[in-house]
């Protein structure tokens, strides 16, 4: 196989795996059947995230665009949305989706996820201000803890040991 035919993964992926070890210092927080809507534009991350949410004890729903988020909010009782701020490929579009959720008088908690510097990249989305943000890439531990903290009922954290 020549070098041009080799699969090249982003550098941060290799670095990210190094800190995914399960230790007592970074416990995993589990759910208790709450419904979490994972809103993510990347199909692979959406599938992986759904599986992870189910393993963590949540009822997982998915959406890959703003319209699907709003549709799910009208059909389902959702406890929390993990919301990729670039769901429709533009941060500015997130503002419209978040306003739509608010217009539905939805009391769903929202955890924003972003691969960009929050201070710089989300200024065009004022609705995000004040919402908790989970920076990508994240570990299983940080993902589970952010969800649990956002849901706010203090479920027990369980480490590997």
Protein backbone atom coordinates (compact mmCIF):
# COMPACT_ATOMS: atom_id res chain seq x y z
CA UNK A 1 0.00 0.00 0.00
CA UNK A 2 1.42 3.39 -0.90
CA UNK A 3 1.41 6.35 1.47
CA UNK A 4 -1.28 8.09 -0.58
CA UNK A 5 -3.63 5.13 -0.07
CA UNK A 6 -3.24 5.00 3.71
CA UNK A 7 -6.07 6.23 5.86
CA UNK A 8 -5.12 9.44 7.65
CA UNK A 9 -6.96 10.29 10.85
CA UNK A 10 -6.94 13.76 12.42
CA UNK A 11 -4.02 14.20 14.82
CA UNK A 12 -6.27 15.08 17.77
CA UNK A 13 -7.97 11.67 17.51
CA UNK A 14 -4.74 9.90 18.40
CA UNK A 15 -4.16 12.30 21.27
CA UNK A 16 -7.76 11.91 22.42
CA UNK A 17 -7.56 8.14 22.89
CA UNK A 18 -4.63 8.53 25.26
CA UNK A 19 -6.77 10.18 27.93
CA UNK A 20 -9.78 7.84 27.72
CA UNK A 21 -8.54 5.45 30.40
CA UNK A 22 -11.09 4.66 33.08
CA UNK A 23 -9.71 5.61 36.48
CA UNK A 24 -11.13 6.35 39.90
CA UNK A 25 -10.10 9.99 39.37
CA UNK A 26 -12.43 10.28 36.38
CA UNK A 27 -15.61 8.38 37.20
CA UNK A 28 -18.39 7.70 34.77
CA UNK A 29 -21.81 9.09 35.67
CA UNK A 30 -24.75 6.92 34.70
CA UNK A 31 -28.34 7.81 33.88
CA UNK A 32 -31.60 6.39 35.15
CA UNK A 33 -33.63 6.11 31.97
CA UNK A 34 -33.92 9.83 31.21
CA UNK A 35 -34.57 10.74 27.57
CA UNK A 36 -31.63 12.48 25.89
CA UNK A 37 -31.80 13.81 22.34
CA UNK A 38 -28.38 13.78 20.70
CA UNK A 39 -28.29 16.43 17.95
CA UNK A 40 -25.19 16.00 15.81
CA UNK A 41 -24.48 16.64 12.12
CA UNK A 42 -21.81 13.93 11.78
CA UNK A 43 -23.45 10.53 11.13
CA UNK A 44 -20.63 8.54 12.73
CA UNK A 45 -20.63 10.63 15.91
CA UNK A 46 -24.42 10.42 16.01
CA UNK A 47 -24.38 6.61 15.89
CA UNK A 48 -21.53 6.31 18.40
CA UNK A 49 -23.10 8.87 20.72
CA UNK A 50 -26.47 7.11 20.66
CA UNK A 51 -24.83 3.81 21.60
CA UNK A 52 -22.86 5.47 24.38
CA UNK A 53 -25.97 7.15 25.80
CA UNK A 54 -27.77 3.81 25.85
CA UNK A 55 -24.83 2.12 27.59
CA UNK A 56 -24.86 4.93 30.16
CA UNK A 57 -28.51 4.20 30.95
CA UNK A 58 -30.35 6.84 28.95
CA UNK A 59 -33.15 6.54 26.42
CA UNK A 60 -31.41 7.99 23.38
CA UNK A 61 -33.04 9.83 20.49
CA UNK A 62 -31.17 11.40 17.59
CA UNK A 63 -31.44 14.32 15.21
CA UNK A 64 -29.06 15.36 12.45
CA UNK A 65 -30.50 18.81 11.68
CA UNK A 66 -32.39 21.64 13.35
CA UNK A 67 -35.73 20.63 11.83
CA UNK A 68 -35.42 17.13 13.33
CA UNK A 69 -34.65 18.62 16.75
CA UNK A 70 -37.82 20.69 16.67
CA UNK A 71 -39.83 17.73 15.38
CA UNK A 72 -38.57 15.50 18.22
CA UNK A 73 -39.40 18.22 20.77
CA UNK A 74 -43.03 18.23 19.60
CA UNK A 75 -43.35 14.42 19.62
CA UNK A 76 -41.41 13.37 22.71
CA UNK A 77 -40.92 14.31 26.35
CA UNK A 78 -37.19 15.04 26.28
CA UNK A 79 -35.21 15.60 29.45
CA UNK A 80 -32.12 16.98 27.75
CA UNK A 81 -30.66 17.83 24.35
CA UNK A 82 -26.95 17.45 23.64
CA UNK A 83 -26.79 20.05 20.90
CA UNK A 84 -23.97 20.38 18.35
CA UNK A 85 -23.88 24.13 17.91
CA UNK A 86 -23.04 23.65 14.23
CA UNK A 87 -25.92 21.23 13.64
CA UNK A 88 -26.87 22.93 10.37
CA UNK A 89 -23.22 23.68 9.50
CA UNK A 90 -23.43 27.28 10.75
CA UNK A 91 -23.31 28.54 14.31
CA UNK A 92 -25.79 31.29 13.40
CA UNK A 93 -28.40 28.64 12.52
CA UNK A 94 -28.17 27.26 16.06
CA UNK A 95 -29.68 30.49 17.32
CA UNK A 96 -32.80 29.86 15.23
CA UNK A 97 -33.12 26.28 16.46
CA UNK A 98 -32.69 27.29 20.10
CA UNK A 99 -35.29 30.04 19.63
CA UNK A 100 -37.62 27.43 18.11
CA UNK A 101 -37.18 25.18 21.15
CA UNK A 102 -37.98 28.14 23.40
CA UNK A 103 -41.07 28.98 21.30
CA UNK A 104 -42.35 25.45 21.93
CA UNK A 105 -42.23 26.34 25.63
CA UNK A 106 -40.06 23.31 26.05
CA UNK A 107 -38.44 22.96 29.48
CA UNK A 108 -35.81 20.61 28.13
CA UNK A 109 -32.29 21.18 29.43
CA UNK A 110 -29.67 21.87 26.79
CA UNK A 111 -25.98 20.96 26.75
CA UNK A 112 -24.16 22.62 23.86
CA UNK A 113 -21.27 20.75 22.25
CA UNK A 114 -18.68 22.49 20.13
CA UNK A 115 -15.30 21.78 18.56
CA UNK A 116 -14.53 25.49 18.56
CA UNK A 117 -13.33 27.94 21.17
CA UNK A 118 -16.56 28.97 22.85
CA UNK A 119 -15.41 32.53 23.49
CA UNK A 120 -14.57 33.07 19.82
CA UNK A 121 -16.79 30.72 17.86
CA UNK A 122 -20.20 31.20 19.45
CA UNK A 123 -20.46 35.00 19.44
CA UNK A 124 -22.88 34.85 16.49
CA UNK A 125 -25.26 32.74 18.57
CA UNK A 126 -26.41 34.83 21.55
CA UNK A 127 -28.97 32.21 22.61
CA UNK A 128 -26.09 29.93 23.63
CA UNK A 129 -24.89 32.40 26.24
CA UNK A 130 -25.37 30.95 29.70
CA UNK A 131 -25.87 27.36 28.50
CA UNK A 132 -23.40 24.69 29.60
CA UNK A 133 -20.86 23.80 26.91
CA UNK A 134 -19.07 20.49 26.35
CA UNK A 135 -15.92 20.95 24.26
CA UNK A 136 -15.03 18.41 21.60
CA UNK A 137 -13.20 16.13 21.58
CA UNK A 138 -14.41 14.77 24.91
CA UNK A 139 -13.89 11.57 26.85
CA UNK A 140 -16.54 9.11 27.97
CA UNK A 141 -16.05 10.46 31.48
CA UNK A 142 -16.44 14.14 30.60
CA UNK A 143 -19.45 13.35 28.36
CA UNK A 144 -21.19 11.34 31.08
CA UNK A 145 -20.42 13.86 33.81
CA UNK A 146 -21.56 16.85 31.72
CA UNK A 147 -24.89 15.17 31.01
CA UNK A 148 -25.40 14.20 34.63
CA UNK A 149 -24.48 17.68 35.84
CA UNK A 150 -26.81 19.31 33.31
CA UNK A 151 -29.68 17.05 34.36
CA UNK A 152 -28.83 18.10 37.89
CA UNK A 153 -30.17 15.33 40.09
CA UNK A 154 -26.82 14.08 41.34
CA UNK A 155 -26.86 10.43 40.30
CA UNK A 156 -24.03 8.39 41.74
CA UNK A 157 -20.77 8.46 39.86
CA UNK A 158 -19.19 5.07 39.31
CA UNK A 159 -15.51 4.58 38.55
CA UNK A 160 -13.81 1.55 37.10
CA UNK A 161 -12.30 0.35 40.31
